[in-house]
Amino acid sequence: MRIAFASEENEGLMSKVSNRFGRAAYFIIVDTEDGEIKEYKIEKNPGAEARGGAGIKAVQKLINEGVKIAVAGSFGPNAMTALEETGIKHVEMSGVTVEEALRELEGRGLLKS
């Protein structure tokens, strides 16, 4: 399963999950299989410096990346609508590292394909 974590940091799995989705600087995109991390990559969020439509630009990036779950502290109304329309689940969580957030998602049973 492919999961995107909004982050202001470029520190891989040690990056903290951002409070904001559409304007976060990066997405840490993690591929998991059977609850195990297979690989991850760091992508710039095209919505971070957009004049408008940041949430929509961010969602389009996740669609292009094949993401199934988006994680951030909060999502704007336009981003939430776009995520719901495309079938990408959104989970509100922040103040933890990507690694800690993955453990929390696994504990909630969300990493099952």
PDB file of N, CA and C in Angstrom:
ATOM      1  N   MET A   1       0.852  -1.174   0.000  1.00  0.00           N
ATOM      2  CA  MET A   1       0.000   0.000   0.000  1.00  0.00           C
ATOM      3  C   MET A   1       0.893   1.231   0.000  1.00  0.00           C
ATOM      4  N   ARG A   2       0.465   2.238  -0.724  1.00  0.00           N
ATOM      5  CA  ARG A   2       1.241   3.476  -0.812  1.00  0.00           C
ATOM      6  C   ARG A   2       0.572   4.557   0.039  1.00  0.00           C
ATOM      7  N   ILE A   3       1.361   5.143   0.956  1.00  0.00           N
ATOM      8  CA  ILE A   3       0.861   6.140   1.906  1.00  0.00           C
ATOM      9  C   ILE A   3       1.706   7.403   1.778  1.00  0.00           C
ATOM     10  N   ALA A   4       1.051   8.559   1.780  1.00  0.00           N
ATOM     11  CA  ALA A   4       1.757   9.840   1.718  1.00  0.00           C
ATOM     12  C   ALA A   4       1.597  10.579   3.039  1.00  0.00           C
ATOM     13  N   PHE A   5       2.705  11.021   3.577  1.00  0.00           N
ATOM     14  CA  PHE A   5       2.734  11.786   4.819  1.00  0.00           C
ATOM     15  C   PHE A   5       3.174  13.208   4.493  1.00  0.00           C
ATOM     16  N   ALA A   6       2.331  14.186   4.793  1.00  0.00           N
ATOM     17  CA  ALA A   6       2.703  15.585   4.601  1.00  0.00           C
ATOM     18  C   ALA A   6       3.758  15.937   5.642  1.00  0.00           C
ATOM     19  N   SER A   7       4.797  16.653   5.236  1.00  0.00           N
ATOM     20  CA  SER A   7       5.858  17.013   6.165  1.00  0.00           C
ATOM     21  C   SER A   7       6.516  18.321   5.748  1.00  0.00           C
ATOM     22  N   GLU A   8       7.048  19.034   6.714  1.00  0.00           N
ATOM     23  CA  GLU A   8       7.837  20.237   6.445  1.00  0.00           C
ATOM     24  C   GLU A   8       9.311  19.873   6.350  1.00  0.00           C
ATOM     25  N   GLU A   9       9.648  18.646   6.692  1.00  0.00           N
ATOM     26  CA  GLU A   9      11.035  18.194   6.771  1.00  0.00           C
ATOM     27  C   GLU A   9      11.363  17.202   5.668  1.00  0.00           C
ATOM     28  N   ASN A  10      12.630  17.159   5.307  1.00  0.00           N
ATOM     29  CA  ASN A  10      13.145  16.234   4.315  1.00  0.00           C
ATOM     30  C   ASN A  10      14.085  15.255   5.026  1.00  0.00           C
ATOM     31  N   GLU A  11      13.547  14.560   6.017  1.00  0.00           N
ATOM     32  CA  GLU A  11      14.359  13.672   6.865  1.00  0.00           C
ATOM     33  C   GLU A  11      13.910  12.215   6.762  1.00  0.00           C
ATOM     34  N   GLY A  12      13.282  11.862   5.666  1.00  0.00           N
ATOM     35  CA  GLY A  12      12.857  10.474   5.481  1.00  0.00           C
ATOM     36  C   GLY A  12      11.862  10.035   6.536  1.00  0.00           C
ATOM     37  N   LEU A  13      12.044   8.840   7.061  1.00  0.00           N
ATOM     38  CA  LEU A  13      11.110   8.286   8.044  1.00  0.00           C
ATOM     39  C   LEU A  13      11.152   9.008   9.382  1.00  0.00           C
ATOM     40  N   MET A  14      12.179   9.820   9.603  1.00  0.00           N
ATOM     41  CA  MET A  14      12.285  10.592  10.845  1.00  0.00           C
ATOM     42  C   MET A  14      11.629  11.968  10.716  1.00  0.00           C
ATOM     43  N   SER A  15      11.102  12.294   9.536  1.00  0.00           N
ATOM     44  CA  SER A  15      10.392  13.561   9.334  1.00  0.00           C
ATOM     45  C   SER A  15       9.141  13.590  10.193  1.00  0.00           C
ATOM     46  N   LYS A  16       8.823  14.744  10.742  1.00  0.00           N
ATOM     47  CA  LYS A  16       7.580  14.911  11.501  1.00  0.00           C
ATOM     48  C   LYS A  16       6.423  15.135  10.531  1.00  0.00           C
ATOM     49  N   VAL A  17       5.283  14.552  10.853  1.00  0.00           N
ATOM     50  CA  VAL A  17       4.079  14.763  10.054  1.00  0.00           C
ATOM     51  C   VAL A  17       3.606  16.198  10.281  1.00  0.00           C
ATOM     52  N   SER A  18       3.324  16.890   9.198  1.00  0.00           N
ATOM     53  CA  SER A  18       2.933  18.298   9.240  1.00  0.00           C
ATOM     54  C   SER A  18       1.502  18.483   9.734  1.00  0.00           C
ATOM     55  N   ASN A  19       1.256  19.641  10.339  1.00  0.00           N
ATOM     56  CA  ASN A  19      -0.100  20.016  10.735  1.00  0.00           C
ATOM     57  C   ASN A  19      -0.961  20.338   9.525  1.00  0.00           C
ATOM     58  N   ARG A  20      -0.344  20.669   8.397  1.00  0.00           N
ATOM     59  CA  ARG A  20      -1.104  21.079   7.222  1.00  0.00           C
ATOM     60  C   ARG A  20      -0.807  20.150   6.049  1.00  0.00           C
ATOM     61  N   PHE A  21      -1.800  19.982   5.211  1.00  0.00           N
ATOM     62  CA  PHE A  21      -1.687  19.092   4.063  1.00  0.00           C
ATOM     63  C   PHE A  21      -1.291  19.852   2.793  1.00  0.00           C
ATOM     64  N   GLY A  22      -2.148  20.731   2.335  1.00  0.00           N
ATOM     65  CA  GLY A  22      -1.972  21.375   1.037  1.00  0.00           C
ATOM     66  C   GLY A  22      -0.732  22.221   0.906  1.00  0.00           C
ATOM     67  N   ARG A  23      -0.271  22.800   2.001  1.00  0.00           N
ATOM     68  CA  ARG A  23       0.889  23.684   1.949  1.00  0.00           C
ATOM     69  C   ARG A  23       2.136  23.094   2.605  1.00  0.00           C
ATOM     70  N   ALA A  24       2.103  21.817   2.953  1.00  0.00           N
ATOM     71  CA  ALA A  24       3.304  21.159   3.476  1.00  0.00           C
ATOM     72  C   ALA A  24       4.384  21.177   2.395  1.00  0.00           C
ATOM     73  N   ALA A  25       5.627  21.261   2.786  1.00  0.00           N
ATOM     74  CA  ALA A  25       6.722  21.351   1.819  1.00  0.00           C
ATOM     75  C   ALA A  25       6.945  20.042   1.056  1.00  0.00           C
ATOM     76  N   TYR A  26       6.753  18.916   1.738  1.00  0.00           N
ATOM     77  CA  TYR A  26       7.078  17.620   1.142  1.00  0.00           C
ATOM     78  C   TYR A  26       5.994  16.585   1.406  1.00  0.00           C
ATOM     79  N   PHE A  27       6.042  15.533   0.620  1.00  0.00           N
ATOM     80  CA  PHE A  27       5.317  14.305   0.902  1.00  0.00           C
ATOM     81  C   PHE A  27       6.347  13.200   1.040  1.00  0.00           C
ATOM     82  N   ILE A  28       6.307  12.499   2.158  1.00  0.00           N
ATOM     83  CA  ILE A  28       7.112  11.301   2.334  1.00  0.00           C
ATOM     84  C   ILE A  28       6.186  10.168   1.897  1.00  0.00           C
ATOM     85  N   ILE A  29       6.503   9.535   0.791  1.00  0.00           N
ATOM     86  CA  ILE A  29       5.644   8.499   0.214  1.00  0.00           C
ATOM     87  C   ILE A  29       6.261   7.145   0.522  1.00  0.00           C
ATOM     88  N   VAL A  30       5.493   6.343   1.256  1.00  0.00           N
ATOM     89  CA  VAL A  30       5.993   5.061   1.761  1.00  0.00           C
ATOM     90  C   VAL A  30       5.188   3.922   1.141  1.00  0.00           C
ATOM     91  N   ASP A  31       5.912   2.927   0.651  1.00  0.00           N
ATOM     92  CA  ASP A  31       5.288   1.701   0.153  1.00  0.00           C
ATOM     93  C   ASP A  31       5.413   0.631   1.225  1.00  0.00           C
ATOM     94  N   THR A  32       4.276   0.025   1.585  1.00  0.00           N
ATOM     95  CA  THR A  32       4.284  -1.050   2.571  1.00  0.00           C
ATOM     96  C   THR A  32       3.689  -2.312   1.950  1.00  0.00           C
ATOM     97  N   GLU A  33       4.097  -3.426   2.509  1.00  0.00           N
ATOM     98  CA  GLU A  33       3.537  -4.712   2.109  1.00  0.00           C
ATOM     99  C   GLU A  33       3.485  -5.581   3.358  1.00  0.00           C
ATOM    100  N   ASP A  34       2.311  -6.093   3.675  1.00  0.00           N
ATOM    101  CA  ASP A  34       2.117  -6.901   4.882  1.00  0.00           C
ATOM    102  C   ASP A  34       2.626  -6.184   6.131  1.00  0.00           C
ATOM    103  N   GLY A  35       2.394  -4.862   6.195  1.00  0.00           N
ATOM    104  CA  GLY A  35       2.780  -4.077   7.354  1.00  0.00           C
ATOM    105  C   GLY A  35       4.256  -3.716   7.422  1.00  0.00           C
ATOM    106  N   GLU A  36       5.034  -4.126   6.441  1.00  0.00           N
ATOM    107  CA  GLU A  36       6.476  -3.842   6.416  1.00  0.00           C
ATOM    108  C   GLU A  36       6.778  -2.741   5.405  1.00  0.00           C
ATOM    109  N   ILE A  37       7.723  -1.870   5.732  1.00  0.00           N
ATOM    110  CA  ILE A  37       8.158  -0.822   4.810  1.00  0.00           C
ATOM    111  C   ILE A  37       9.029  -1.458   3.736  1.00  0.00           C
ATOM    112  N   LYS A  38       8.635  -1.275   2.483  1.00  0.00           N
ATOM    113  CA  LYS A  38       9.418  -1.794   1.365  1.00  0.00           C
ATOM    114  C   LYS A  38      10.376  -0.722   0.836  1.00  0.00           C
ATOM    115  N   GLU A  39       9.874   0.496   0.697  1.00  0.00           N
ATOM    116  CA  GLU A  39      10.705   1.608   0.252  1.00  0.00           C
ATOM    117  C   GLU A  39       9.965   2.917   0.508  1.00  0.00           C
ATOM    118  N   TYR A  40      10.705   4.002   0.414  1.00  0.00           N
ATOM    119  CA  TYR A  40      10.069   5.315   0.522  1.00  0.00           C
ATOM    120  C   TYR A  40      10.816   6.309  -0.343  1.00  0.00           C
ATOM    121  N   LYS A  41      10.128   7.393  -0.660  1.00  0.00           N
ATOM    122  CA  LYS A  41      10.752   8.478  -1.393  1.00  0.00           C
ATOM    123  C   LYS A  41      10.193   9.794  -0.895  1.00  0.00           C
ATOM    124  N   ILE A  42      10.921  10.844  -1.166  1.00  0.00           N
ATOM    125  CA  ILE A  42      10.523  12.185  -0.740  1.00  0.00           C
ATOM    126  C   ILE A  42      10.243  13.001  -1.995  1.00  0.00           C
ATOM    127  N   GLU A  43       9.040  13.577  -2.049  1.00  0.00           N
ATOM    128  CA  GLU A  43       8.628  14.379  -3.198  1.00  0.00           C
ATOM    129  C   GLU A  43       8.239  15.776  -2.726  1.00  0.00           C
ATOM    130  N   LYS A  44       8.592  16.779  -3.491  1.00  0.00           N
ATOM    131  CA  LYS A  44       8.134  18.135  -3.187  1.00  0.00           C
ATOM    132  C   LYS A  44       6.642  18.210  -3.456  1.00  0.00           C
ATOM    133  N   ASN A  45       5.952  18.947  -2.618  1.00  0.00           N
ATOM    134  CA  ASN A  45       4.518  19.153  -2.769  1.00  0.00           C
ATOM    135  C   ASN A  45       4.292  20.344  -3.705  1.00  0.00           C
ATOM    136  N   PRO A  46       3.666  20.134  -4.857  1.00  0.00           N
ATOM    137  CA  PRO A  46       3.431  21.254  -5.779  1.00  0.00           C
ATOM    138  C   PRO A  46       2.474  22.305  -5.218  1.00  0.00           C
ATOM    139  N   GLY A  47       1.729  21.977  -4.177  1.00  0.00           N
ATOM    140  CA  GLY A  47       0.820  22.939  -3.575  1.00  0.00           C
ATOM    141  C   GLY A  47       1.488  23.861  -2.575  1.00  0.00           C
ATOM    142  N   ALA A  48       2.704  23.530  -2.163  1.00  0.00           N
ATOM    143  CA  ALA A  48       3.374  24.273  -1.093  1.00  0.00           C
ATOM    144  C   ALA A  48       3.494  25.768  -1.375  1.00  0.00           C
ATOM    145  N   GLU A  49       3.817  26.117  -2.601  1.00  0.00           N
ATOM    146  CA  GLU A  49       4.017  27.526  -2.935  1.00  0.00           C
ATOM    147  C   GLU A  49       3.014  28.038  -3.964  1.00  0.00           C
ATOM    148  N   ALA A  50       1.934  27.298  -4.135  1.00  0.00           N
ATOM    149  CA  ALA A  50       0.905  27.712  -5.093  1.00  0.00           C
ATOM    150  C   ALA A  50       0.187  28.963  -4.591  1.00  0.00           C
ATOM    151  N   ARG A  51      -0.179  29.830  -5.514  1.00  0.00           N
ATOM    152  CA  ARG A  51      -0.920  31.043  -5.134  1.00  0.00           C
ATOM    153  C   ARG A  51      -2.327  30.696  -4.686  1.00  0.00           C
ATOM    154  N   GLY A  52      -2.902  29.664  -5.277  1.00  0.00           N
ATOM    155  CA  GLY A  52      -4.245  29.216  -4.923  1.00  0.00           C
ATOM    156  C   GLY A  52      -4.392  27.756  -5.301  1.00  0.00           C
ATOM    157  N   GLY A  53      -5.385  27.110  -4.751  1.00  0.00           N
ATOM    158  CA  GLY A  53      -5.641  25.718  -5.093  1.00  0.00           C
ATOM    159  C   GLY A  53      -4.594  24.751  -4.580  1.00  0.00           C
ATOM    160  N   ALA A  54      -3.961  25.085  -3.455  1.00  0.00           N
ATOM    161  CA  ALA A  54      -2.883  24.247  -2.923  1.00  0.00           C
ATOM    162  C   ALA A  54      -3.349  22.822  -2.635  1.00  0.00           C
ATOM    163  N   GLY A  55      -4.505  22.695  -2.013  1.00  0.00           N
ATOM    164  CA  GLY A  55      -5.010  21.367  -1.667  1.00  0.00           C
ATOM    165  C   GLY A  55      -5.277  20.518  -2.892  1.00  0.00           C
ATOM    166  N   ILE A  56      -5.842  21.116  -3.920  1.00  0.00           N
ATOM    167  CA  ILE A  56      -6.145  20.391  -5.162  1.00  0.00           C
ATOM    168  C   ILE A  56      -4.849  19.961  -5.851  1.00  0.00           C
ATOM    169  N   LYS A  57      -3.855  20.838  -5.893  1.00  0.00           N
ATOM    170  CA  LYS A  57      -2.562  20.491  -6.495  1.00  0.00           C
ATOM    171  C   LYS A  57      -1.905  19.348  -5.723  1.00  0.00           C
ATOM    172  N   ALA A  58      -2.005  19.390  -4.408  1.00  0.00           N
ATOM    173  CA  ALA A  58      -1.429  18.336  -3.575  1.00  0.00           C
ATOM    174  C   ALA A  58      -2.137  17.001  -3.830  1.00  0.00           C
ATOM    175  N   VAL A  59      -3.451  17.026  -3.901  1.00  0.00           N
ATOM    176  CA  VAL A  59      -4.212  15.798  -4.172  1.00  0.00           C
ATOM    177  C   VAL A  59      -3.853  15.244  -5.540  1.00  0.00           C
ATOM    178  N   GLN A  60      -3.721  16.099  -6.543  1.00  0.00           N
ATOM    179  CA  GLN A  60      -3.353  15.627  -7.885  1.00  0.00           C
ATOM    180  C   GLN A  60      -2.001  14.916  -7.853  1.00  0.00           C
ATOM    181  N   LYS A  61      -1.068  15.435  -7.082  1.00  0.00           N
ATOM    182  CA  LYS A  61       0.246  14.790  -6.930  1.00  0.00           C
ATOM    183  C   LYS A  61       0.071  13.383  -6.363  1.00  0.00           C
ATOM    184  N   LEU A  62      -0.774  13.244  -5.353  1.00  0.00           N
ATOM    185  CA  LEU A  62      -0.984  11.932  -4.727  1.00  0.00           C
ATOM    186  C   LEU A  62      -1.663  10.966  -5.689  1.00  0.00           C
ATOM    187  N   ILE A  63      -2.596  11.467  -6.491  1.00  0.00           N
ATOM    188  CA  ILE A  63      -3.239  10.627  -7.509  1.00  0.00           C
ATOM    189  C   ILE A  63      -2.178  10.107  -8.478  1.00  0.00           C
ATOM    190  N   ASN A  64      -1.329  11.013  -8.945  1.00  0.00           N
ATOM    191  CA  ASN A  64      -0.274  10.638  -9.889  1.00  0.00           C
ATOM    192  C   ASN A  64       0.700   9.619  -9.299  1.00  0.00           C
ATOM    193  N   GLU A  65       0.871   9.659  -7.991  1.00  0.00           N
ATOM    194  CA  GLU A  65       1.796   8.749  -7.307  1.00  0.00           C
ATOM    195  C   GLU A  65       1.132   7.431  -6.900  1.00  0.00           C
ATOM    196  N   GLY A  66      -0.173   7.313  -7.095  1.00  0.00           N
ATOM    197  CA  GLY A  66      -0.859   6.072  -6.743  1.00  0.00           C
ATOM    198  C   GLY A  66      -1.063   5.870  -5.248  1.00  0.00           C
ATOM    199  N   VAL A  67      -1.168   6.963  -4.513  1.00  0.00           N
ATOM    200  CA  VAL A  67      -1.331   6.918  -3.054  1.00  0.00           C
ATOM    201  C   VAL A  67      -2.738   6.453  -2.678  1.00  0.00           C
ATOM    202  N   LYS A  68      -2.831   5.645  -1.621  1.00  0.00           N
ATOM    203  CA  LYS A  68      -4.123   5.142  -1.124  1.00  0.00           C
ATOM    204  C   LYS A  68      -4.545   5.815   0.183  1.00  0.00           C
ATOM    205  N   ILE A  69      -3.564   6.325   0.974  1.00  0.00           N
ATOM    206  CA  ILE A  69      -3.858   7.002   2.243  1.00  0.00           C
ATOM    207  C   ILE A  69      -2.991   8.254   2.333  1.00  0.00           C
ATOM    208  N   ALA A  70      -3.596   9.378   2.733  1.00  0.00           N
ATOM    209  CA  ALA A  70      -2.875  10.628   2.976  1.00  0.00           C
ATOM    210  C   ALA A  70      -2.944  10.930   4.470  1.00  0.00           C
ATOM    211  N   VAL A  71      -1.808  11.336   5.045  1.00  0.00           N
ATOM    212  CA  VAL A  71      -1.736  11.617   6.476  1.00  0.00           C
ATOM    213  C   VAL A  71      -1.211  13.040   6.682  1.00  0.00           C
ATOM    214  N   ALA A  72      -1.943  13.824   7.477  1.00  0.00           N
ATOM    215  CA  ALA A  72      -1.545  15.184   7.847  1.00  0.00           C
ATOM    216  C   ALA A  72      -2.346  15.584   9.076  1.00  0.00           C
ATOM    217  N   GLY A  73      -1.950  16.677   9.701  1.00  0.00           N
ATOM    218  CA  GLY A  73      -2.667  17.153  10.881  1.00  0.00           C
ATOM    219  C   GLY A  73      -4.056  17.649  10.556  1.00  0.00           C
ATOM    220  N   SER A  74      -4.192  18.328   9.400  1.00  0.00           N
ATOM    221  CA  SER A  74      -5.509  18.801   8.985  1.00  0.00           C
ATOM    222  C   SER A  74      -5.539  18.936   7.468  1.00  0.00           C
ATOM    223  N   PHE A  75      -6.755  18.877   6.944  1.00  0.00           N
ATOM    224  CA  PHE A  75      -6.990  18.954   5.511  1.00  0.00           C
ATOM    225  C   PHE A  75      -8.022  20.050   5.277  1.00  0.00           C
ATOM    226  N   GLY A  76      -7.777  20.892   4.292  1.00  0.00           N
ATOM    227  CA  GLY A  76      -8.755  21.912   3.946  1.00  0.00           C
ATOM    228  C   GLY A  76      -9.973  21.273   3.298  1.00  0.00           C
ATOM    229  N   PRO A  77     -11.086  22.016   3.232  1.00  0.00           N
ATOM    230  CA  PRO A  77     -12.318  21.453   2.679  1.00  0.00           C
ATOM    231  C   PRO A  77     -12.200  21.018   1.228  1.00  0.00           C
ATOM    232  N   ASN A  78     -11.484  21.767   0.399  1.00  0.00           N
ATOM    233  CA  ASN A  78     -11.331  21.381  -1.006  1.00  0.00           C
ATOM    234  C   ASN A  78     -10.491  20.122  -1.136  1.00  0.00           C
ATOM    235  N   ALA A  79      -9.426  20.030  -0.345  1.00  0.00           N
ATOM    236  CA  ALA A  79      -8.587  18.834  -0.374  1.00  0.00           C
ATOM    237  C   ALA A  79      -9.373  17.615   0.100  1.00  0.00           C
ATOM    238  N   MET A  80     -10.157  17.777   1.163  1.00  0.00           N
ATOM    239  CA  MET A  80     -10.942  16.647   1.671  1.00  0.00           C
ATOM    240  C   MET A  80     -11.943  16.167   0.624  1.00  0.00           C
ATOM    241  N   THR A  81     -12.613  17.080  -0.032  1.00  0.00           N
ATOM    242  CA  THR A  81     -13.573  16.702  -1.064  1.00  0.00           C
ATOM    243  C   THR A  81     -12.867  15.962  -2.199  1.00  0.00           C
ATOM    244  N   ALA A  82     -11.736  16.484  -2.645  1.00  0.00           N
ATOM    245  CA  ALA A  82     -10.987  15.844  -3.735  1.00  0.00           C
ATOM    246  C   ALA A  82     -10.490  14.463  -3.323  1.00  0.00           C
ATOM    247  N   LEU A  83     -10.015  14.325  -2.097  1.00  0.00           N
ATOM    248  CA  LEU A  83      -9.550  13.021  -1.616  1.00  0.00           C
ATOM    249  C   LEU A  83     -10.700  12.017  -1.599  1.00  0.00           C
ATOM    250  N   GLU A  84     -11.837  12.448  -1.066  1.00  0.00           N
ATOM    251  CA  GLU A  84     -12.997  11.556  -0.991  1.00  0.00           C
ATOM    252  C   GLU A  84     -13.466  11.151  -2.376  1.00  0.00           C
ATOM    253  N   GLU A  85     -13.478  12.095  -3.308  1.00  0.00           N
ATOM    254  CA  GLU A  85     -13.933  11.796  -4.670  1.00  0.00           C
ATOM    255  C   GLU A  85     -13.009  10.825  -5.402  1.00  0.00           C
ATOM    256  N   THR A  86     -11.734  10.821  -5.032  1.00  0.00           N
ATOM    257  CA  THR A  86     -10.770   9.946  -5.700  1.00  0.00           C
ATOM    258  C   THR A  86     -10.533   8.640  -4.940  1.00  0.00           C
ATOM    259  N   GLY A  87     -11.157   8.499  -3.776  1.00  0.00           N
ATOM    260  CA  GLY A  87     -11.018   7.260  -3.017  1.00  0.00           C
ATOM    261  C   GLY A  87      -9.765   7.173  -2.172  1.00  0.00           C
ATOM    262  N   ILE A  88      -9.062   8.286  -2.014  1.00  0.00           N
ATOM    263  CA  ILE A  88      -7.882   8.291  -1.142  1.00  0.00           C
ATOM    264  C   ILE A  88      -8.359   8.572   0.283  1.00  0.00           C
ATOM    265  N   LYS A  89      -8.037   7.669   1.203  1.00  0.00           N
ATOM    266  CA  LYS A  89      -8.408   7.875   2.599  1.00  0.00           C
ATOM    267  C   LYS A  89      -7.544   8.985   3.179  1.00  0.00           C
ATOM    268  N   HIS A  90      -8.101   9.743   4.120  1.00  0.00           N
ATOM    269  CA  HIS A  90      -7.309  10.759   4.804  1.00  0.00           C
ATOM    270  C   HIS A  90      -7.356  10.486   6.302  1.00  0.00           C
ATOM    271  N   VAL A  91      -6.197  10.612   6.918  1.00  0.00           N
ATOM    272  CA  VAL A  91      -6.061  10.367   8.346  1.00  0.00           C
ATOM    273  C   VAL A  91      -5.426  11.603   8.965  1.00  0.00           C
ATOM    274  N   GLU A  92      -6.068  12.140  10.000  1.00  0.00           N
ATOM    275  CA  GLU A  92      -5.526  13.311  10.685  1.00  0.00           C
ATOM    276  C   GLU A  92      -4.628  12.867  11.827  1.00  0.00           C
ATOM    277  N   MET A  93      -3.357  13.290  11.730  1.00  0.00           N
ATOM    278  CA  MET A  93      -2.358  12.937  12.729  1.00  0.00           C
ATOM    279  C   MET A  93      -1.178  13.884  12.516  1.00  0.00           C
ATOM    280  N   SER A  94      -0.605  14.393  13.578  1.00  0.00           N
ATOM    281  CA  SER A  94       0.579  15.241  13.433  1.00  0.00           C
ATOM    282  C   SER A  94       1.396  15.193  14.714  1.00  0.00           C
ATOM    283  N   GLY A  95       2.588  15.791  14.644  1.00  0.00           N
ATOM    284  CA  GLY A  95       3.450  15.848  15.815  1.00  0.00           C
ATOM    285  C   GLY A  95       4.208  14.568  16.094  1.00  0.00           C
ATOM    286  N   VAL A  96       4.114  13.620  15.183  1.00  0.00           N
ATOM    287  CA  VAL A  96       4.845  12.357  15.315  1.00  0.00           C
ATOM    288  C   VAL A  96       5.691  12.180  14.056  1.00  0.00           C
ATOM    289  N   THR A  97       6.689  11.306  14.131  1.00  0.00           N
ATOM    290  CA  THR A  97       7.484  11.037  12.944  1.00  0.00           C
ATOM    291  C   THR A  97       6.693  10.143  11.995  1.00  0.00           C
ATOM    292  N   VAL A  98       7.139  10.083  10.764  1.00  0.00           N
ATOM    293  CA  VAL A  98       6.506   9.193   9.783  1.00  0.00           C
ATOM    294  C   VAL A  98       6.548   7.762  10.285  1.00  0.00           C
ATOM    295  N   GLU A  99       7.674   7.361  10.849  1.00  0.00           N
ATOM    296  CA  GLU A  99       7.814   6.002  11.382  1.00  0.00           C
ATOM    297  C   GLU A  99       6.781   5.730  12.484  1.00  0.00           C
ATOM    298  N   GLU A 100       6.611   6.676  13.401  1.00  0.00           N
ATOM    299  CA  GLU A 100       5.616   6.518  14.468  1.00  0.00           C
ATOM    300  C   GLU A 100       4.197   6.489  13.899  1.00  0.00           C
ATOM    301  N   ALA A 101       3.941   7.324  12.898  1.00  0.00           N
ATOM    302  CA  ALA A 101       2.619   7.363  12.276  1.00  0.00           C
ATOM    303  C   ALA A 101       2.310   6.032  11.592  1.00  0.00           C
ATOM    304  N   LEU A 102       3.308   5.436  10.963  1.00  0.00           N
ATOM    305  CA  LEU A 102       3.112   4.121  10.340  1.00  0.00           C
ATOM    306  C   LEU A 102       2.698   3.078  11.368  1.00  0.00           C
ATOM    307  N   ARG A 103       3.347   3.094  12.523  1.00  0.00           N
ATOM    308  CA  ARG A 103       2.979   2.146  13.592  1.00  0.00           C
ATOM    309  C   ARG A 103       1.546   2.382  14.051  1.00  0.00           C
ATOM    310  N   GLU A 104       1.157   3.651  14.143  1.00  0.00           N
ATOM    311  CA  GLU A 104      -0.218   3.987  14.545  1.00  0.00           C
ATOM    312  C   GLU A 104      -1.220   3.499  13.491  1.00  0.00           C
ATOM    313  N   LEU A 105      -0.909   3.703  12.223  1.00  0.00           N
ATOM    314  CA  LEU A 105      -1.795   3.229  11.156  1.00  0.00           C
ATOM    315  C   LEU A 105      -1.922   1.707  11.195  1.00  0.00           C
ATOM    316  N   GLU A 106      -0.804   1.041  11.438  1.00  0.00           N
ATOM    317  CA  GLU A 106      -0.845  -0.415  11.533  1.00  0.00           C
ATOM    318  C   GLU A 106      -1.707  -0.853  12.711  1.00  0.00           C
ATOM    319  N   GLY A 107      -1.567  -0.157  13.840  1.00  0.00           N
ATOM    320  CA  GLY A 107      -2.369  -0.459  15.020  1.00  0.00           C
ATOM    321  C   GLY A 107      -3.863  -0.260  14.774  1.00  0.00           C
ATOM    322  N   ARG A 108      -4.204   0.652  13.906  1.00  0.00           N
ATOM    323  CA  ARG A 108      -5.612   0.903  13.553  1.00  0.00           C
ATOM    324  C   ARG A 108      -6.115  -0.046  12.459  1.00  0.00           C
ATOM    325  N   GLY A 109      -5.223  -0.898  11.968  1.00  0.00           N
ATOM    326  CA  GLY A 109      -5.617  -1.851  10.931  1.00  0.00           C
ATOM    327  C   GLY A 109      -5.753  -1.245   9.548  1.00  0.00           C
ATOM    328  N   LEU A 110      -5.128  -0.085   9.300  1.00  0.00           N
ATOM    329  CA  LEU A 110      -5.278   0.601   8.021  1.00  0.00           C
ATOM    330  C   LEU A 110      -4.255   0.186   6.965  1.00  0.00           C
ATOM    331  N   LEU A 111      -3.255  -0.609   7.346  1.00  0.00           N
ATOM    332  CA  LEU A 111      -2.232  -0.984   6.379  1.00  0.00           C
ATOM    333  C   LEU A 111      -2.521  -2.296   5.670  1.00  0.00           C
ATOM    334  N   LYS A 112      -3.664  -2.864   5.953  1.00  0.00           N
ATOM    335  CA  LYS A 112      -4.043  -4.109   5.266  1.00  0.00           C
ATOM    336  C   LYS A 112      -4.510  -3.784   3.867  1.00  0.00           C
ATOM    337  N   SER A 113      -3.935  -4.443   2.897  1.00  0.00           N
ATOM    338  CA  SER A 113      -4.265  -4.180   1.483  1.00  0.00           C
ATOM    339  C   SER A 113      -5.664  -4.621   1.156  1.00  0.00           C
TER     340      SER A 113
END
